[in-house]
Amino acid sequence: MNMNYQNYLSKTANDLEPSGIRKFFDLAASMEGVISLGVGEPDFITPWNIREVAIEALQDGYTSYTANAGLLELREEITSYLKRKFHVNYRAEDQVIVTVGASQSLDLAFRAILNPGDEVLVIEPAFVSYASLVTLAGGVPVRIATKEENGFKVTPEQMEAAITDKTKAILLCSPNNPTGTCLNKEELNEIARVVKEHDLLVVSDEIYAELAYDQEYTSFASLPGMYERTILINGFSKGFAMTGWRLGFLAAPSEIISAMVKIYQYTTMCAPYMLQIGAIEALRNSSDQVEKMKLNYWRRRNFTVQSLNRIGLECHTPGGAFYVFPSIKKTGLTSEQFASELLQQEKVAVVPGNAFGESGEGYIRCSYATSIEQLQEAMNRIERFLKTIETKQNQKLEKAK
C-alpha cells in the first residue's frame, strides 16, 4: 500500500519554508575546500574553565532532572548578570527560565502570549525562524521591511502603519541578525513610545548583547515603563561561544513566566543539569575571555567591511553581532544566484539575503566569525568572482553594440 503522507501532515508544518541558511550550509559541507561565511557560529572553542566544570559535573553524577525553570543557583547568576551588565532587575525565583537555547525561549514566548490570529510585528531582514515560530504558535507574522538607507532600522512611522487591532507584540533583535544593526537608546525609546501608546508586548531577542561594539548596549527592558511589557531573550551561544550547549534563558513578568513554565513541563522538562553547571561558571568567571573574543570580532568586522567596500560591494558598518550584509545589486544577480555561483566557482559559502525576508533581496549575509586568514582568502575569492561577473557583463555589452 502506497501511503499519501500529505493527507497526514498538518497544514502548518507542511507550509513551513525550510531554512535558507541550512540549505547553503549543507551544500557547502558536501564540498571540499569551502570557506564558510554562512552559519552564525563562533569559531572559538568554549573557554576551558567552562568545559572543565561541566566535565566534572558529569563525572560527579549530575545527570538528573532539575527544576523546570532551571537550577536556582543559575537563575540567581542570570539575574546578577542582567543587573550588572544591562541594569535590569529580575527575581530568580519566578521571573527567569533556563531554556534549551534562545530559540526555545522564543518558542515559549510566542506560545505563552499568542491566541489564534494575534499579530506580531517582525522587522525584516530578520532571522529565519522568527516568522515561522509566530506561525507555529498560531499567530500571524506581520513583516516590516527596513531599508539600507536607514541603516536597516525600523521607524516609528512604519510600526504605526503596521499596527492593527489584532497586534499583540513586536519582535525586536538588536544587534540584528542578519544586518548587524544595533539600535541606540534614543531609537529604542521611540519604539517604546509606540509600544506604550498601543498597549503592546515586546519580545526582545538580545542574544548578541555581548557583541555590541560602538556604544553601550541598552536592554529594552531597562527603558522607562518597558520592564512590565518585555520578554527578554538571551543565552550563552554567541557571546560565550557555547552554541552546541544549547542553553538560553528568558526573563519576564512572573505571570508570563508562570504560563511558560506550564508549557515547558509538557514539552522539554528542563535543560541538561551538567550544562547548567557549566553556565554558572560562564557567568561567574568568563568575562575576560568574552571581552577578548569581542575584540577579535571587532577587528574582523573592520577588516571585512573595509575589504568588501574596496572590492566593490557596498557594505554599511554593523554595530554588533558578527555579520555584514553587503549589497550585491550592482552584479545584476539575485541573492540566490550570487550565493550559488560564488559557492560553485570560488567555494565561498554565504547566505542569500532573501532567506531573511523579501527586503533582503539584493544582499548577502557574510559571517566574520572565522579567522582573519580565512577572511582574507574569502575576500580574495569574492574579488575574483566579481571580476568574472564584470568580464561577462562587458562581453554582453560588446555583443549588443
Protein backbone atom coordinates (compact mmCIF):
# COMPACT_ATOMS: atom_id res chain seq x y z
CA MET A 1 0.00 0.00 0.00
CA ASN A 2 1.35 3.40 -1.00
CA MET A 3 0.76 5.94 1.72
CA ASN A 4 -0.04 9.52 0.74
CA TYR A 5 1.56 11.24 3.71
CA GLN A 6 0.34 14.65 2.60
CA ASN A 7 -3.03 13.56 3.96
CA TYR A 8 -1.49 13.08 7.40
CA LEU A 9 0.71 16.15 7.73
CA SER A 10 -0.56 19.30 9.39
CA LYS A 11 -1.03 22.20 7.00
CA THR A 12 1.05 24.43 9.28
CA ALA A 13 4.05 22.09 9.23
CA ASN A 14 3.67 21.35 5.54
CA ASP A 15 3.58 25.03 4.59
CA LEU A 16 6.72 25.98 6.52
CA GLU A 17 9.63 27.03 4.33
CA PRO A 18 12.92 25.21 5.00
CA SER A 19 15.73 27.35 6.39
CA GLY A 20 17.61 29.24 3.71
CA ILE A 21 20.68 29.19 5.95
CA ARG A 22 20.83 25.42 6.36
CA LYS A 23 20.35 24.85 2.64
CA PHE A 24 23.62 26.55 1.71
CA PHE A 25 25.42 25.25 4.80
CA ASP A 26 24.54 21.66 3.93
CA LEU A 27 25.64 22.16 0.32
CA ALA A 28 28.94 23.71 1.41
CA ALA A 29 29.56 20.85 3.85
CA SER A 30 29.46 18.39 0.94
CA MET A 31 32.28 20.21 -0.91
CA GLU A 32 36.00 20.27 -0.20
CA GLY A 33 37.98 23.47 0.27
CA VAL A 34 34.99 25.69 1.06
CA ILE A 35 35.41 28.78 3.20
CA SER A 36 32.12 29.15 5.04
CA LEU A 37 30.86 32.62 5.86
CA GLY A 38 27.41 31.14 6.20
CA VAL A 39 26.39 29.82 9.59
CA GLY A 40 26.43 32.25 12.51
CA GLU A 41 28.61 30.30 14.88
CA PRO A 42 31.71 31.46 16.78
CA ASP A 43 34.92 29.82 15.63
CA PHE A 44 36.19 29.99 19.21
CA ILE A 45 36.01 26.92 21.40
CA THR A 46 34.07 27.30 24.63
CA PRO A 47 36.55 28.58 27.26
CA TRP A 48 38.27 25.72 29.07
CA ASN A 49 37.14 26.71 32.57
CA ILE A 50 33.51 26.30 31.46
CA ARG A 51 34.14 22.95 29.81
CA GLU A 52 36.12 21.71 32.79
CA VAL A 53 33.34 22.49 35.27
CA ALA A 54 30.75 20.73 33.07
CA ILE A 55 33.02 17.67 32.69
CA GLU A 56 33.47 17.49 36.46
CA ALA A 57 29.72 17.79 36.95
CA LEU A 58 29.14 14.87 34.59
CA GLN A 59 31.80 12.80 36.33
CA ASP A 60 30.24 13.60 39.70
CA GLY A 61 26.88 12.28 38.55
CA TYR A 62 24.89 15.48 37.97
CA THR A 63 22.71 13.75 35.39
CA SER A 64 19.21 14.08 36.84
CA TYR A 65 16.38 16.50 36.11
CA THR A 66 16.47 19.99 37.55
CA ALA A 67 13.54 22.25 38.32
CA ASN A 68 11.63 23.07 35.13
CA ALA A 69 12.81 26.66 35.22
CA GLY A 70 16.41 25.59 35.76
CA LEU A 71 18.79 25.46 38.71
CA LEU A 72 18.01 28.24 41.17
CA GLU A 73 21.74 28.90 41.50
CA LEU A 74 21.99 29.50 37.76
CA ARG A 75 18.89 31.70 37.73
CA GLU A 76 20.44 33.75 40.52
CA GLU A 77 23.59 34.16 38.46
CA ILE A 78 21.49 35.21 35.48
CA THR A 79 19.69 37.89 37.48
CA SER A 80 23.02 39.15 38.80
CA TYR A 81 24.40 39.22 35.25
CA LEU A 82 21.39 41.11 33.88
CA LYS A 83 21.61 43.67 36.67
CA ARG A 84 25.37 44.11 36.35
CA LYS A 85 25.53 44.30 32.56
CA PHE A 86 22.18 45.72 31.48
CA HIS A 87 20.70 47.42 34.55
CA VAL A 88 17.52 45.35 34.78
CA ASN A 89 16.29 43.66 37.95
CA TYR A 90 14.53 40.30 37.91
CA ARG A 91 13.68 37.79 40.62
CA ALA A 92 15.38 34.44 40.17
CA GLU A 93 12.52 32.56 41.82
CA ASP A 94 9.70 33.42 39.43
CA GLN A 95 10.91 35.70 36.62
CA VAL A 96 13.61 33.65 34.86
CA ILE A 97 13.62 30.36 32.91
CA VAL A 98 16.67 28.48 31.64
CA THR A 99 15.88 27.06 28.19
CA VAL A 100 17.36 24.76 25.58
CA GLY A 101 18.80 27.58 23.51
CA ALA A 102 17.43 31.05 22.88
CA SER A 103 15.34 29.57 20.05
CA GLN A 104 13.29 27.67 22.60
CA SER A 105 12.90 30.87 24.61
CA LEU A 106 11.33 32.47 21.55
CA ASP A 107 9.06 29.46 21.04
CA LEU A 108 7.91 29.56 24.67
CA ALA A 109 7.31 33.30 24.47
CA PHE A 110 5.04 33.08 21.45
CA ARG A 111 3.17 30.04 22.70
CA ALA A 112 2.55 31.75 26.03
CA ILE A 113 1.20 35.05 24.70
CA LEU A 114 -0.50 34.33 21.36
CA ASN A 115 -4.06 33.35 20.64
CA PRO A 116 -5.04 32.23 17.12
CA GLY A 117 -4.92 35.22 14.79
CA ASP A 118 -2.89 37.50 17.07
CA GLU A 119 -0.39 39.53 15.08
CA VAL A 120 3.31 40.03 15.81
CA LEU A 121 5.34 42.71 14.06
CA VAL A 122 8.53 41.17 12.65
CA ILE A 123 11.18 43.64 11.49
CA GLU A 124 12.96 42.40 8.40
CA PRO A 125 15.54 41.44 7.32
CA ALA A 126 15.11 39.04 10.24
CA PHE A 127 16.43 35.75 11.49
CA VAL A 128 14.86 32.92 9.52
CA SER A 129 12.93 31.33 12.39
CA TYR A 130 11.03 34.38 13.65
CA ALA A 131 8.02 34.38 11.37
CA SER A 132 7.78 30.58 11.45
CA LEU A 133 7.78 30.49 15.25
CA VAL A 134 4.95 33.01 15.31
CA THR A 135 3.02 30.86 12.84
CA LEU A 136 3.64 27.66 14.81
CA ALA A 137 2.18 29.37 17.89
CA GLY A 138 -1.00 30.23 15.97
CA GLY A 139 -0.09 33.84 15.42
CA VAL A 140 0.27 35.92 12.26
CA PRO A 141 3.66 37.48 11.47
CA VAL A 142 3.34 41.00 10.05
CA ARG A 143 6.55 41.84 8.25
CA ILE A 144 8.01 45.35 8.29
CA ALA A 145 10.72 45.88 5.66
CA THR A 146 13.62 48.14 6.64
CA LYS A 147 15.93 49.84 4.17
CA GLU A 148 19.67 50.17 3.80
CA GLU A 149 19.46 53.95 3.57
CA ASN A 150 18.03 53.95 7.11
CA GLY A 151 20.71 51.56 8.34
CA PHE A 152 18.11 48.76 8.33
CA LYS A 153 16.40 50.43 11.29
CA VAL A 154 12.64 50.42 11.75
CA THR A 155 10.94 53.80 12.06
CA PRO A 156 8.03 54.63 14.39
CA GLU A 157 6.01 55.53 11.30
CA GLN A 158 6.49 52.06 9.84
CA MET A 159 5.35 50.50 13.10
CA GLU A 160 2.29 52.73 13.32
CA ALA A 161 1.29 51.83 9.77
CA ALA A 162 1.54 48.09 10.52
CA ILE A 163 -0.36 48.03 13.82
CA THR A 164 -3.96 46.80 13.78
CA ASP A 165 -6.47 45.87 16.46
CA LYS A 166 -5.04 42.33 16.30
CA THR A 167 -1.45 43.34 17.04
CA LYS A 168 -0.24 41.70 20.26
CA ALA A 169 3.52 42.21 20.22
CA ILE A 170 6.58 43.38 18.37
CA LEU A 171 9.71 41.27 17.98
CA LEU A 172 12.99 43.16 18.28
CA CYS A 173 16.50 41.88 17.62
CA SER A 174 19.35 44.26 18.41
CA PRO A 175 22.11 43.73 17.43
CA ASN A 176 20.33 42.28 14.46
CA ASN A 177 20.83 39.05 12.59
CA PRO A 178 21.50 39.34 9.61
CA THR A 179 22.34 43.05 9.27
CA GLY A 180 24.32 43.65 12.48
CA THR A 181 22.26 46.80 13.07
CA CYS A 182 22.31 47.94 16.70
CA LEU A 183 19.61 50.33 17.94
CA ASN A 184 20.72 53.10 20.27
CA LYS A 185 18.86 54.27 23.36
CA GLU A 186 17.10 57.14 21.59
CA GLU A 187 15.83 54.85 18.83
CA LEU A 188 14.64 52.28 21.34
CA ASN A 189 12.79 54.98 23.27
CA GLU A 190 10.92 55.89 20.09
CA ILE A 191 9.84 52.27 19.73
CA ALA A 192 8.88 52.21 23.42
CA ARG A 193 6.62 55.20 22.88
CA VAL A 194 4.70 53.36 20.15
CA VAL A 195 4.56 50.19 22.25
CA LYS A 196 3.04 52.06 25.18
CA GLU A 197 0.55 54.00 23.05
CA HIS A 198 -0.78 50.79 21.51
CA ASP A 199 -0.55 48.63 24.64
CA LEU A 200 1.79 46.05 23.13
CA LEU A 201 4.27 43.50 24.43
CA VAL A 202 7.85 43.31 23.20
CA VAL A 203 9.79 40.11 22.64
CA SER A 204 13.36 41.39 22.74
CA ASP A 205 15.95 38.99 21.33
CA GLU A 206 19.19 40.14 22.94
CA ILE A 207 21.33 37.09 22.16
CA TYR A 208 24.03 39.33 20.64
CA ALA A 209 24.06 41.84 23.51
CA GLU A 210 27.65 40.91 24.44
CA LEU A 211 28.72 41.78 20.90
CA ALA A 212 27.78 45.47 20.63
CA TYR A 213 30.90 47.31 19.50
CA ASP A 214 30.46 51.05 19.18
CA GLN A 215 28.13 52.01 22.03
CA GLU A 216 26.97 50.81 25.41
CA TYR A 217 24.26 48.22 24.92
CA THR A 218 20.73 49.15 26.00
CA SER A 219 18.36 46.37 27.01
CA PHE A 220 14.79 47.16 26.03
CA ALA A 221 13.54 46.14 29.48
CA SER A 222 15.69 48.87 31.06
CA LEU A 223 13.69 51.67 29.39
CA PRO A 224 11.08 53.55 31.44
CA GLY A 225 7.78 51.64 31.52
CA MET A 226 9.08 48.73 29.42
CA TYR A 227 10.06 46.28 32.18
CA GLU A 228 6.49 45.06 32.57
CA ARG A 229 5.99 44.83 28.78
CA THR A 230 9.19 43.00 27.81
CA ILE A 231 10.04 39.33 27.38
CA LEU A 232 13.83 39.43 27.39
CA ILE A 233 15.55 36.65 25.41
CA ASN A 234 19.25 35.88 25.82
CA GLY A 235 21.64 32.96 26.10
CA PHE A 236 25.16 31.61 26.01
CA SER A 237 25.62 30.61 22.37
CA LYS A 238 27.08 33.72 20.79
CA GLY A 239 28.90 35.81 23.39
CA PHE A 240 30.25 32.81 25.34
CA ALA A 241 30.97 30.58 22.28
CA MET A 242 28.60 27.88 23.54
CA THR A 243 26.38 27.18 20.52
CA GLY A 244 26.33 23.40 20.86
CA TRP A 245 25.49 23.57 24.55
CA ARG A 246 22.00 24.79 23.61
CA LEU A 247 21.50 26.98 26.66
CA GLY A 248 19.39 30.10 26.64
CA PHE A 249 17.30 31.99 29.12
CA LEU A 250 14.42 34.40 29.25
CA ALA A 251 13.26 36.93 31.82
CA ALA A 252 9.76 38.39 32.06
CA PRO A 253 6.99 39.36 34.49
CA SER A 254 6.07 36.44 36.76
CA GLU A 255 2.58 36.00 35.26
CA ILE A 256 4.09 35.37 31.82
CA ILE A 257 6.80 33.14 33.24
CA SER A 258 4.17 31.05 35.03
CA ALA A 259 2.43 30.33 31.71
CA MET A 260 5.73 29.43 30.08
CA VAL A 261 6.68 27.02 32.85
CA LYS A 262 3.45 25.09 32.29
CA ILE A 263 4.27 24.72 28.59
CA TYR A 264 7.84 23.72 29.46
CA GLN A 265 6.60 21.00 31.81
CA TYR A 266 4.81 19.23 28.98
CA THR A 267 7.49 19.67 26.31
CA THR A 268 11.14 19.76 27.34
CA MET A 269 11.11 19.35 31.16
CA CYS A 270 14.44 21.14 31.73
CA ALA A 271 17.86 21.94 30.28
CA PRO A 272 20.63 19.38 31.00
CA TYR A 273 21.89 19.53 34.58
CA MET A 274 25.64 19.37 33.91
CA LEU A 275 25.43 22.04 31.21
CA GLN A 276 23.61 24.38 33.56
CA ILE A 277 26.50 23.99 35.98
CA GLY A 278 28.85 24.97 33.17
CA ALA A 279 26.70 28.05 32.53
CA ILE A 280 27.11 29.13 36.16
CA GLU A 281 30.87 29.09 35.63
CA ALA A 282 30.45 31.06 32.39
CA LEU A 283 28.64 33.88 34.15
CA ARG A 284 30.94 33.94 37.16
CA ASN A 285 34.40 33.63 35.69
CA SER A 286 34.49 34.20 31.92
CA SER A 287 34.03 37.93 31.37
CA ASP A 288 37.69 38.46 30.45
CA GLN A 289 37.56 35.76 27.80
CA VAL A 290 34.28 37.13 26.42
CA GLU A 291 35.93 40.54 26.06
CA LYS A 292 38.90 39.01 24.22
CA MET A 293 36.57 37.30 21.76
CA LYS A 294 34.63 40.53 21.30
CA LEU A 295 37.81 42.46 20.50
CA ASN A 296 38.74 39.83 17.94
CA TYR A 297 35.31 40.11 16.30
CA TRP A 298 35.64 43.90 16.24
CA ARG A 299 38.92 43.64 14.33
CA ARG A 300 37.42 41.14 11.91
CA ARG A 301 34.39 43.37 11.37
CA ASN A 302 36.57 46.32 10.45
CA PHE A 303 38.66 44.23 8.05
CA THR A 304 35.61 42.66 6.39
CA VAL A 305 33.72 45.92 5.91
CA GLN A 306 36.78 47.68 4.51
CA SER A 307 37.55 44.76 2.20
CA LEU A 308 34.03 44.46 0.82
CA ASN A 309 33.79 48.18 0.11
CA ARG A 310 37.25 48.10 -1.53
CA ILE A 311 36.33 45.30 -3.93
CA GLY A 312 33.06 46.98 -4.89
CA LEU A 313 30.33 45.52 -2.67
CA GLU A 314 28.75 48.40 -0.78
CA CYS A 315 28.54 47.50 2.90
CA HIS A 316 27.45 49.53 5.92
CA THR A 317 29.35 49.08 9.18
CA PRO A 318 27.30 46.91 11.55
CA GLY A 319 27.09 47.96 15.18
CA GLY A 320 27.11 44.45 16.61
CA ALA A 321 26.78 40.67 16.18
CA PHE A 322 29.22 39.04 13.72
CA TYR A 323 27.58 39.60 10.34
CA VAL A 324 27.87 42.02 7.45
CA PHE A 325 25.09 42.49 4.90
CA PRO A 326 26.63 43.86 1.70
CA SER A 327 24.64 44.82 -1.38
CA ILE A 328 25.19 42.71 -4.50
CA LYS A 329 22.69 44.64 -6.63
CA LYS A 330 25.37 46.02 -8.97
CA THR A 331 26.14 42.48 -10.17
CA GLY A 332 22.70 42.05 -11.73
CA LEU A 333 22.34 38.69 -9.98
CA THR A 334 19.67 37.73 -7.50
CA SER A 335 20.81 36.92 -3.98
CA GLU A 336 20.37 33.19 -4.60
CA GLN A 337 22.18 33.31 -7.94
CA PHE A 338 25.09 35.19 -6.39
CA ALA A 339 25.39 32.80 -3.44
CA SER A 340 25.07 29.70 -5.60
CA GLU A 341 27.55 30.80 -8.26
CA LEU A 342 30.05 32.06 -5.68
CA LEU A 343 29.94 28.69 -3.95
CA GLN A 344 30.33 26.71 -7.16
CA GLN A 345 33.02 28.88 -8.74
CA GLU A 346 35.09 30.07 -5.79
CA LYS A 347 34.00 27.80 -2.93
CA VAL A 348 32.90 30.59 -0.60
CA ALA A 349 29.62 29.99 1.22
CA VAL A 350 27.40 32.96 2.07
CA VAL A 351 23.66 33.18 2.74
CA PRO A 352 21.38 34.88 0.18
CA GLY A 353 19.68 37.89 1.70
CA ASN A 354 16.19 36.83 0.70
CA ALA A 355 16.44 33.99 3.25
CA PHE A 356 15.77 36.75 5.81
CA GLY A 357 12.71 38.18 4.10
CA GLU A 358 11.85 39.86 0.82
CA SER A 359 13.61 43.07 1.88
CA GLY A 360 16.87 41.08 1.99
CA GLU A 361 16.82 40.51 -1.77
CA GLY A 362 19.84 42.15 -3.34
CA TYR A 363 22.08 41.42 -0.36
CA ILE A 364 24.07 38.54 1.09
CA ARG A 365 24.90 37.74 4.69
CA CYS A 366 28.53 37.04 5.49
CA SER A 367 29.60 35.91 8.94
CA TYR A 368 33.03 37.08 10.08
CA ALA A 369 33.13 34.51 12.88
CA THR A 370 36.20 32.91 11.35
CA SER A 371 39.92 33.65 11.34
CA ILE A 372 41.46 36.69 9.68
CA GLU A 373 43.41 34.35 7.42
CA GLN A 374 40.19 32.70 6.24
CA LEU A 375 38.52 36.08 5.80
CA GLN A 376 41.46 37.36 3.73
CA GLU A 377 41.27 34.35 1.43
CA ALA A 378 37.48 34.66 1.19
CA MET A 379 37.76 38.32 0.18
CA ASN A 380 40.33 37.39 -2.49
CA ARG A 381 37.99 34.76 -3.89
CA ILE A 382 34.97 37.10 -3.84
CA GLU A 383 37.00 39.78 -5.63
CA ARG A 384 37.99 37.25 -8.29
CA PHE A 385 34.34 36.24 -8.65
CA LEU A 386 33.28 39.87 -9.09
CA LYS A 387 35.87 40.37 -11.83
CA THR A 388 34.46 37.33 -13.64
CA ILE A 389 30.98 38.85 -13.48
CA GLU A 390 32.30 42.19 -14.73
CA THR A 391 34.02 40.49 -17.65
CA LYS A 392 30.80 38.71 -18.63
CA GLN A 393 28.86 41.97 -18.40
CA ASN A 394 31.38 43.74 -20.65
CA GLN A 395 31.22 40.90 -23.17
CA LYS A 396 27.45 41.20 -23.34
CA LEU A 397 27.75 44.95 -23.91
CA GLU A 398 30.22 44.38 -26.74
CA LYS A 399 27.90 41.87 -28.42
CA ALA A 400 24.98 44.26 -28.09
CA LYS A 401 26.82 47.02 -29.98
